[in-house]
PDB file of N, CA and C in Angstrom:
ATOM      1  N   MET A   1      56.906  14.350 -97.499  1.00  0.00           N
ATOM      2  CA  MET A   1      55.620  14.907 -97.109  1.00  0.00           C
ATOM      3  C   MET A   1      54.531  13.833 -97.094  1.00  0.00           C
ATOM      4  N   ASP A   2      54.607  12.908 -98.042  1.00  0.00           N
ATOM      5  CA  ASP A   2      53.603  11.849 -98.084  1.00  0.00           C
ATOM      6  C   ASP A   2      53.687  10.952 -96.862  1.00  0.00           C
ATOM      7  N   SER A   3      54.902  10.694 -96.391  1.00  0.00           N
ATOM      8  CA  SER A   3      55.042   9.824 -95.232  1.00  0.00           C
ATOM      9  C   SER A   3      54.521  10.503 -93.965  1.00  0.00           C
ATOM     10  N   ILE A   4      54.677  11.821 -93.885  1.00  0.00           N
ATOM     11  CA  ILE A   4      54.147  12.546 -92.730  1.00  0.00           C
ATOM     12  C   ILE A   4      52.625  12.515 -92.747  1.00  0.00           C
ATOM     13  N   LEU A   5      52.036  12.719 -93.916  1.00  0.00           N
ATOM     14  CA  LEU A   5      50.578  12.665 -94.034  1.00  0.00           C
ATOM     15  C   LEU A   5      50.064  11.268 -93.697  1.00  0.00           C
ATOM     16  N   GLY A   6      50.746  10.246 -94.194  1.00  0.00           N
ATOM     17  CA  GLY A   6      50.357   8.872 -93.878  1.00  0.00           C
ATOM     18  C   GLY A   6      50.457   8.577 -92.396  1.00  0.00           C
ATOM     19  N   LEU A   7      51.506   9.091 -91.767  1.00  0.00           N
ATOM     20  CA  LEU A   7      51.675   8.905 -90.327  1.00  0.00           C
ATOM     21  C   LEU A   7      50.555   9.587 -89.551  1.00  0.00           C
ATOM     22  N   LEU A   8      50.171  10.790 -89.959  1.00  0.00           N
ATOM     23  CA  LEU A   8      49.083  11.504 -89.285  1.00  0.00           C
ATOM     24  C   LEU A   8      47.754  10.781 -89.447  1.00  0.00           C
ATOM     25  N   VAL A   9      47.516  10.257 -90.648  1.00  0.00           N
ATOM     26  CA  VAL A   9      46.262   9.522 -90.883  1.00  0.00           C
ATOM     27  C   VAL A   9      46.221   8.258 -90.030  1.00  0.00           C
ATOM     28  N   MET A  10      47.330   7.543 -89.969  1.00  0.00           N
ATOM     29  CA  MET A  10      47.367   6.324 -89.161  1.00  0.00           C
ATOM     30  C   MET A  10      47.284   6.633 -87.667  1.00  0.00           C
ATOM     31  N   ALA A  11      47.870   7.744 -87.239  1.00  0.00           N
ATOM     32  CA  ALA A  11      47.805   8.133 -85.826  1.00  0.00           C
ATOM     33  C   ALA A  11      46.410   8.594 -85.438  1.00  0.00           C
ATOM     34  N   ALA A  12      45.611   8.979 -86.409  1.00  0.00           N
ATOM     35  CA  ALA A  12      44.256   9.439 -86.114  1.00  0.00           C
ATOM     36  C   ALA A  12      43.357   8.305 -85.646  1.00  0.00           C
ATOM     37  N   VAL A  13      43.672   7.075 -86.002  1.00  0.00           N
ATOM     38  CA  VAL A  13      42.827   5.949 -85.583  1.00  0.00           C
ATOM     39  C   VAL A  13      42.877   5.779 -84.059  1.00  0.00           C
ATOM     40  N   PRO A  14      44.041   5.576 -83.452  1.00  0.00           N
ATOM     41  CA  PRO A  14      44.029   5.509 -81.986  1.00  0.00           C
ATOM     42  C   PRO A  14      43.716   6.863 -81.356  1.00  0.00           C
ATOM     43  N   GLY A  15      44.096   7.943 -82.045  1.00  0.00           N
ATOM     44  CA  GLY A  15      43.802   9.276 -81.531  1.00  0.00           C
ATOM     45  C   GLY A  15      42.308   9.514 -81.402  1.00  0.00           C
ATOM     46  N   TYR A  16      41.536   9.014 -82.375  1.00  0.00           N
ATOM     47  CA  TYR A  16      40.082   9.154 -82.286  1.00  0.00           C
ATOM     48  C   TYR A  16      39.551   8.450 -81.046  1.00  0.00           C
ATOM     49  N   PHE A  17      39.987   7.219 -80.822  1.00  0.00           N
ATOM     50  CA  PHE A  17      39.468   6.458 -79.685  1.00  0.00           C
ATOM     51  C   PHE A  17      39.842   7.120 -78.356  1.00  0.00           C
ATOM     52  N   VAL A  18      41.045   7.654 -78.272  1.00  0.00           N
ATOM     53  CA  VAL A  18      41.467   8.358 -77.054  1.00  0.00           C
ATOM     54  C   VAL A  18      40.631   9.613 -76.848  1.00  0.00           C
ATOM     55  N   LEU A  19      40.477  10.417 -77.895  1.00  0.00           N
ATOM     56  CA  LEU A  19      39.672  11.643 -77.785  1.00  0.00           C
ATOM     57  C   LEU A  19      38.213  11.332 -77.469  1.00  0.00           C
ATOM     58  N   GLN A  20      37.674  10.299 -78.096  1.00  0.00           N
ATOM     59  CA  GLN A  20      36.275   9.945 -77.859  1.00  0.00           C
ATOM     60  C   GLN A  20      36.065   9.526 -76.410  1.00  0.00           C
ATOM     61  N   PHE A  21      36.961   8.713 -75.889  1.00  0.00           N
ATOM     62  CA  PHE A  21      36.853   8.271 -74.502  1.00  0.00           C
ATOM     63  C   PHE A  21      36.990   9.453 -73.547  1.00  0.00           C
ATOM     64  N   TYR A  22      37.976  10.305 -73.807  1.00  0.00           N
ATOM     65  CA  TYR A  22      38.211  11.451 -72.924  1.00  0.00           C
ATOM     66  C   TYR A  22      37.017  12.400 -72.911  1.00  0.00           C
ATOM     67  N   THR A  23      36.521  12.769 -74.086  1.00  0.00           N
ATOM     68  CA  THR A  23      35.419  13.734 -74.133  1.00  0.00           C
ATOM     69  C   THR A  23      34.133  13.148 -73.566  1.00  0.00           C
ATOM     70  N   ALA A  24      33.904  11.868 -73.779  1.00  0.00           N
ATOM     71  CA  ALA A  24      32.690  11.248 -73.237  1.00  0.00           C
ATOM     72  C   ALA A  24      32.733  11.146 -71.717  1.00  0.00           C
ATOM     73  N   ARG A  25      33.914  10.990 -71.164  1.00  0.00           N
ATOM     74  CA  ARG A  25      34.035  10.856 -69.711  1.00  0.00           C
ATOM     75  C   ARG A  25      34.091  12.193 -68.979  1.00  0.00           C
ATOM     76  N   LYS A  26      34.757  13.174 -69.559  1.00  0.00           N
ATOM     77  CA  LYS A  26      35.035  14.420 -68.848  1.00  0.00           C
ATOM     78  C   LYS A  26      33.997  15.518 -69.076  1.00  0.00           C
ATOM     79  N   TRP A  27      33.358  15.533 -70.220  1.00  0.00           N
ATOM     80  CA  TRP A  27      32.427  16.614 -70.521  1.00  0.00           C
ATOM     81  C   TRP A  27      31.023  16.236 -70.073  1.00  0.00           C
ATOM     82  N   ASP A  28      30.197  17.269 -69.856  1.00  0.00           N
ATOM     83  CA  ASP A  28      28.815  17.009 -69.470  1.00  0.00           C
ATOM     84  C   ASP A  28      27.872  17.896 -70.272  1.00  0.00           C
ATOM     85  N   GLY A  29      26.593  17.591 -70.152  1.00  0.00           N
ATOM     86  CA  GLY A  29      25.562  18.394 -70.813  1.00  0.00           C
ATOM     87  C   GLY A  29      25.606  18.310 -72.328  1.00  0.00           C
ATOM     88  N   SER A  30      25.352  19.443 -72.952  1.00  0.00           N
ATOM     89  CA  SER A  30      25.296  19.476 -74.414  1.00  0.00           C
ATOM     90  C   SER A  30      26.663  19.242 -75.048  1.00  0.00           C
ATOM     91  N   TRP A  31      27.740  19.543 -74.325  1.00  0.00           N
ATOM     92  CA  TRP A  31      29.075  19.262 -74.859  1.00  0.00           C
ATOM     93  C   TRP A  31      29.287  17.757 -75.005  1.00  0.00           C
ATOM     94  N   ARG A  32      28.797  16.992 -74.056  1.00  0.00           N
ATOM     95  CA  ARG A  32      28.930  15.531 -74.159  1.00  0.00           C
ATOM     96  C   ARG A  32      28.125  15.008 -75.338  1.00  0.00           C
ATOM     97  N   TRP A  33      26.924  15.526 -75.531  1.00  0.00           N
ATOM     98  CA  TRP A  33      26.107  15.072 -76.665  1.00  0.00           C
ATOM     99  C   TRP A  33      26.774  15.399 -77.994  1.00  0.00           C
ATOM    100  N   ALA A  34      27.375  16.584 -78.078  1.00  0.00           N
ATOM    101  CA  ALA A  34      28.088  16.954 -79.301  1.00  0.00           C
ATOM    102  C   ALA A  34      29.316  16.059 -79.501  1.00  0.00           C
ATOM    103  N   ALA A  35      29.977  15.697 -78.409  1.00  0.00           N
ATOM    104  CA  ALA A  35      31.155  14.834 -78.508  1.00  0.00           C
ATOM    105  C   ALA A  35      30.784  13.400 -78.866  1.00  0.00           C
ATOM    106  N   LEU A  36      29.580  12.976 -78.526  1.00  0.00           N
ATOM    107  CA  LEU A  36      29.147  11.611 -78.836  1.00  0.00           C
ATOM    108  C   LEU A  36      28.586  11.468 -80.248  1.00  0.00           C
ATOM    109  N   ALA A  37      28.457  12.551 -80.986  1.00  0.00           N
ATOM    110  CA  ALA A  37      27.922  12.497 -82.349  1.00  0.00           C
ATOM    111  C   ALA A  37      28.719  11.574 -83.272  1.00  0.00           C
ATOM    112  N   PRO A  38      30.046  11.570 -83.239  1.00  0.00           N
ATOM    113  CA  PRO A  38      30.772  10.662 -84.133  1.00  0.00           C
ATOM    114  C   PRO A  38      30.530   9.183 -83.851  1.00  0.00           C
ATOM    115  N   VAL A  39      30.067   8.856 -82.664  1.00  0.00           N
ATOM    116  CA  VAL A  39      29.798   7.453 -82.336  1.00  0.00           C
ATOM    117  C   VAL A  39      28.700   6.892 -83.236  1.00  0.00           C
ATOM    118  N   LEU A  40      27.778   7.738 -83.677  1.00  0.00           N
ATOM    119  CA  LEU A  40      26.711   7.280 -84.562  1.00  0.00           C
ATOM    120  C   LEU A  40      27.258   6.718 -85.871  1.00  0.00           C
ATOM    121  N   VAL A  41      28.378   7.231 -86.309  1.00  0.00           N
ATOM    122  CA  VAL A  41      29.009   6.737 -87.536  1.00  0.00           C
ATOM    123  C   VAL A  41      30.068   5.687 -87.220  1.00  0.00           C
ATOM    124  N   MET A  42      30.842   5.923 -86.192  1.00  0.00           N
ATOM    125  CA  MET A  42      32.002   5.066 -85.931  1.00  0.00           C
ATOM    126  C   MET A  42      31.630   3.707 -85.339  1.00  0.00           C
ATOM    127  N   ALA A  43      30.593   3.616 -84.541  1.00  0.00           N
ATOM    128  CA  ALA A  43      30.228   2.328 -83.948  1.00  0.00           C
ATOM    129  C   ALA A  43      29.848   1.298 -85.020  1.00  0.00           C
ATOM    130  N   PRO A  44      28.957   1.626 -85.971  1.00  0.00           N
ATOM    131  CA  PRO A  44      28.695   0.652 -87.031  1.00  0.00           C
ATOM    132  C   PRO A  44      29.928   0.377 -87.894  1.00  0.00           C
ATOM    133  N   LEU A  45      30.769   1.389 -88.058  1.00  0.00           N
ATOM    134  CA  LEU A  45      31.973   1.213 -88.857  1.00  0.00           C
ATOM    135  C   LEU A  45      32.954   0.264 -88.172  1.00  0.00           C
ATOM    136  N   VAL A  46      33.089   0.365 -86.864  1.00  0.00           N
ATOM    137  CA  VAL A  46      33.952  -0.562 -86.127  1.00  0.00           C
ATOM    138  C   VAL A  46      33.378  -1.977 -86.203  1.00  0.00           C
ATOM    139  N   ALA A  47      32.058  -2.105 -86.113  1.00  0.00           N
ATOM    140  CA  ALA A  47      31.428  -3.424 -86.245  1.00  0.00           C
ATOM    141  C   ALA A  47      31.690  -4.002 -87.636  1.00  0.00           C
ATOM    142  N   PHE A  48      31.598  -3.174 -88.663  1.00  0.00           N
ATOM    143  CA  PHE A  48      31.892  -3.615 -90.024  1.00  0.00           C
ATOM    144  C   PHE A  48      33.355  -4.032 -90.155  1.00  0.00           C
ATOM    145  N   THR A  49      34.244  -3.278 -89.533  1.00  0.00           N
ATOM    146  CA  THR A  49      35.670  -3.590 -89.585  1.00  0.00           C
ATOM    147  C   THR A  49      35.958  -4.940 -88.931  1.00  0.00           C
ATOM    148  N   ILE A  50      35.329  -5.184 -87.800  1.00  0.00           N
ATOM    149  CA  ILE A  50      35.505  -6.472 -87.116  1.00  0.00           C
ATOM    150  C   ILE A  50      34.955  -7.604 -87.972  1.00  0.00           C
ATOM    151  N   PHE A  51      33.790  -7.380 -88.589  1.00  0.00           N
ATOM    152  CA  PHE A  51      33.196  -8.387 -89.468  1.00  0.00           C
ATOM    153  C   PHE A  51      34.098  -8.668 -90.661  1.00  0.00           C
ATOM    154  N   ALA A  52      34.647  -7.620 -91.270  1.00  0.00           N
ATOM    155  CA  ALA A  52      35.526  -7.790 -92.427  1.00  0.00           C
ATOM    156  C   ALA A  52      36.802  -8.531 -92.040  1.00  0.00           C
ATOM    157  N   PHE A  53      37.332  -8.247 -90.858  1.00  0.00           N
ATOM    158  CA  PHE A  53      38.515  -8.960 -90.383  1.00  0.00           C
ATOM    159  C   PHE A  53      38.198 -10.442 -90.182  1.00  0.00           C
ATOM    160  N   ALA A  54      37.051 -10.725 -89.568  1.00  0.00           N
ATOM    161  CA  ALA A  54      36.664 -12.111 -89.323  1.00  0.00           C
ATOM    162  C   ALA A  54      36.407 -12.858 -90.625  1.00  0.00           C
ATOM    163  N   ALA A  55      35.965 -12.135 -91.654  1.00  0.00           N
ATOM    164  CA  ALA A  55      35.690 -12.763 -92.944  1.00  0.00           C
ATOM    165  C   ALA A  55      36.967 -12.979 -93.755  1.00  0.00           C
ATOM    166  N   GLY A  56      38.089 -12.446 -93.278  1.00  0.00           N
ATOM    167  CA  GLY A  56      39.353 -12.664 -93.960  1.00  0.00           C
ATOM    168  C   GLY A  56      39.674 -11.645 -95.037  1.00  0.00           C
ATOM    169  N   SER A  57      39.011 -10.517 -95.024  1.00  0.00           N
ATOM    170  CA  SER A  57      39.284  -9.482 -96.017  1.00  0.00           C
ATOM    171  C   SER A  57      40.650  -8.851 -95.748  1.00  0.00           C
ATOM    172  N   ASN A  58      41.391  -8.598 -96.813  1.00  0.00           N
ATOM    173  CA  ASN A  58      42.688  -7.955 -96.621  1.00  0.00           C
ATOM    174  C   ASN A  58      42.558  -6.434 -96.558  1.00  0.00           C
ATOM    175  N   LEU A  59      41.390  -5.904 -96.804  1.00  0.00           N
ATOM    176  CA  LEU A  59      41.135  -4.464 -96.733  1.00  0.00           C
ATOM    177  C   LEU A  59      40.305  -4.090 -95.509  1.00  0.00           C
ATOM    178  N   TRP A  60      40.315  -4.937 -94.498  1.00  0.00           N
ATOM    179  CA  TRP A  60      39.432  -4.729 -93.352  1.00  0.00           C
ATOM    180  C   TRP A  60      39.626  -3.406 -92.637  1.00  0.00           C
ATOM    181  N   PRO A  61      40.820  -2.827 -92.504  1.00  0.00           N
ATOM    182  CA  PRO A  61      40.915  -1.566 -91.760  1.00  0.00           C
ATOM    183  C   PRO A  61      40.694  -0.320 -92.606  1.00  0.00           C
ATOM    184  N   LEU A  62      40.481  -0.479 -93.903  1.00  0.00           N
ATOM    185  CA  LEU A  62      40.466   0.665 -94.812  1.00  0.00           C
ATOM    186  C   LEU A  62      39.420   1.715 -94.444  1.00  0.00           C
ATOM    187  N   MET A  63      38.197   1.314 -94.223  1.00  0.00           N
ATOM    188  CA  MET A  63      37.138   2.291 -93.914  1.00  0.00           C
ATOM    189  C   MET A  63      37.404   2.994 -92.584  1.00  0.00           C
ATOM    190  N   LEU A  64      37.931   2.278 -91.629  1.00  0.00           N
ATOM    191  CA  LEU A  64      38.266   2.879 -90.337  1.00  0.00           C
ATOM    192  C   LEU A  64      39.404   3.883 -90.490  1.00  0.00           C
ATOM    193  N   ILE A  65      40.404   3.538 -91.287  1.00  0.00           N
ATOM    194  CA  ILE A  65      41.544   4.430 -91.504  1.00  0.00           C
ATOM    195  C   ILE A  65      41.107   5.694 -92.235  1.00  0.00           C
ATOM    196  N   LEU A  66      40.149   5.582 -93.135  1.00  0.00           N
ATOM    197  CA  LEU A  66      39.696   6.749 -93.891  1.00  0.00           C
ATOM    198  C   LEU A  66      38.707   7.622 -93.126  1.00  0.00           C
ATOM    199  N   THR A  67      37.995   7.053 -92.170  1.00  0.00           N
ATOM    200  CA  THR A  67      36.970   7.797 -91.444  1.00  0.00           C
ATOM    201  C   THR A  67      37.470   8.370 -90.118  1.00  0.00           C
ATOM    202  N   ALA A  68      38.384   7.704 -89.468  1.00  0.00           N
ATOM    203  CA  ALA A  68      38.868   8.147 -88.162  1.00  0.00           C
ATOM    204  C   ALA A  68      39.487   9.545 -88.183  1.00  0.00           C
ATOM    205  N   PRO A  69      40.246   9.933 -89.217  1.00  0.00           N
ATOM    206  CA  PRO A  69      40.773  11.301 -89.200  1.00  0.00           C
ATOM    207  C   PRO A  69      39.690  12.375 -89.188  1.00  0.00           C
ATOM    208  N   VAL A  70      38.602  12.137 -89.887  1.00  0.00           N
ATOM    209  CA  VAL A  70      37.503  13.107 -89.904  1.00  0.00           C
ATOM    210  C   VAL A  70      36.892  13.225 -88.511  1.00  0.00           C
ATOM    211  N   ALA A  71      36.656  12.097 -87.861  1.00  0.00           N
ATOM    212  CA  ALA A  71      36.094  12.113 -86.509  1.00  0.00           C
ATOM    213  C   ALA A  71      37.081  12.724 -85.519  1.00  0.00           C
ATOM    214  N   CYS A  72      38.353  12.457 -85.704  1.00  0.00           N
ATOM    215  CA  CYS A  72      39.377  13.020 -84.817  1.00  0.00           C
ATOM    216  C   CYS A  72      39.453  14.535 -84.973  1.00  0.00           C
ATOM    217  N   ILE A  73      39.409  15.007 -86.197  1.00  0.00           N
ATOM    218  CA  ILE A  73      39.422  16.454 -86.449  1.00  0.00           C
ATOM    219  C   ILE A  73      38.176  17.101 -85.850  1.00  0.00           C
ATOM    220  N   TYR A  74      37.016  16.441 -85.987  1.00  0.00           N
ATOM    221  CA  TYR A  74      35.784  16.965 -85.407  1.00  0.00           C
ATOM    222  C   TYR A  74      35.916  17.128 -83.895  1.00  0.00           C
ATOM    223  N   LEU A  75      36.422  16.092 -83.221  1.00  0.00           N
ATOM    224  CA  LEU A  75      36.545  16.158 -81.767  1.00  0.00           C
ATOM    225  C   LEU A  75      37.583  17.190 -81.336  1.00  0.00           C
ATOM    226  N   ALA A  76      38.679  17.294 -82.078  1.00  0.00           N
ATOM    227  CA  ALA A  76      39.696  18.291 -81.745  1.00  0.00           C
ATOM    228  C   ALA A  76      39.144  19.697 -81.942  1.00  0.00           C
ATOM    229  N   ALA A  77      38.389  19.914 -83.022  1.00  0.00           N
ATOM    230  CA  ALA A  77      37.767  21.222 -83.260  1.00  0.00           C
ATOM    231  C   ALA A  77      36.733  21.529 -82.182  1.00  0.00           C
ATOM    232  N   LEU A  78      35.974  20.538 -81.791  1.00  0.00           N
ATOM    233  CA  LEU A  78      34.985  20.722 -80.729  1.00  0.00           C
ATOM    234  C   LEU A  78      35.673  21.094 -79.410  1.00  0.00           C
ATOM    235  N   ALA A  79      36.808  20.460 -79.130  1.00  0.00           N
ATOM    236  CA  ALA A  79      37.553  20.792 -77.917  1.00  0.00           C
ATOM    237  C   ALA A  79      38.066  22.237 -77.987  1.00  0.00           C
ATOM    238  N   GLY A  80      38.523  22.658 -79.158  1.00  0.00           N
ATOM    239  CA  GLY A  80      38.961  24.033 -79.318  1.00  0.00           C
ATOM    240  C   GLY A  80      37.840  25.026 -79.136  1.00  0.00           C
ATOM    241  N   ILE A  81      36.676  24.707 -79.692  1.00  0.00           N
ATOM    242  CA  ILE A  81      35.512  25.589 -79.542  1.00  0.00           C
ATOM    243  C   ILE A  81      35.091  25.645 -78.077  1.00  0.00           C
ATOM    244  N   ARG A  82      35.159  24.500 -77.399  1.00  0.00           N
ATOM    245  CA  ARG A  82      34.779  24.479 -75.984  1.00  0.00           C
ATOM    246  C   ARG A  82      35.717  25.322 -75.152  1.00  0.00           C
ATOM    247  N   ILE A  83      36.998  25.297 -75.465  1.00  0.00           N
ATOM    248  CA  ILE A  83      37.966  26.104 -74.734  1.00  0.00           C
ATOM    249  C   ILE A  83      37.681  27.584 -74.935  1.00  0.00           C
ATOM    250  N   VAL A  84      37.370  27.979 -76.148  1.00  0.00           N
ATOM    251  CA  VAL A  84      37.098  29.384 -76.443  1.00  0.00           C
ATOM    252  C   VAL A  84      35.765  29.818 -75.831  1.00  0.00           C
ATOM    253  N   ALA A  85      34.764  28.933 -75.853  1.00  0.00           N
ATOM    254  CA  ALA A  85      33.425  29.296 -75.399  1.00  0.00           C
ATOM    255  C   ALA A  85      33.300  29.356 -73.879  1.00  0.00           C
ATOM    256  N   THR A  86      34.123  28.609 -73.172  1.00  0.00           N
ATOM    257  CA  THR A  86      33.978  28.594 -71.705  1.00  0.00           C
ATOM    258  C   THR A  86      35.088  29.334 -71.008  1.00  0.00           C
TER     259      THR A  86
END
């Protein structure tokens, strides 16, 4: 069970970027603004991750790995709400 949870958490990192790109490109109006909300947190976090990698930290992906699942769940829930609402 732990390996499945770890796999889901790790898959959420690229999953977030795919969902973010898709929702930002395909949705319009207030749905797009709601979908872009995680960017306010994730953009500085990605910049921090790049900085930590460049500085040689061995924990550079940690914050991204811990935050991406939350953003991914948010976007997936938003997509579900959009399907039900429209």
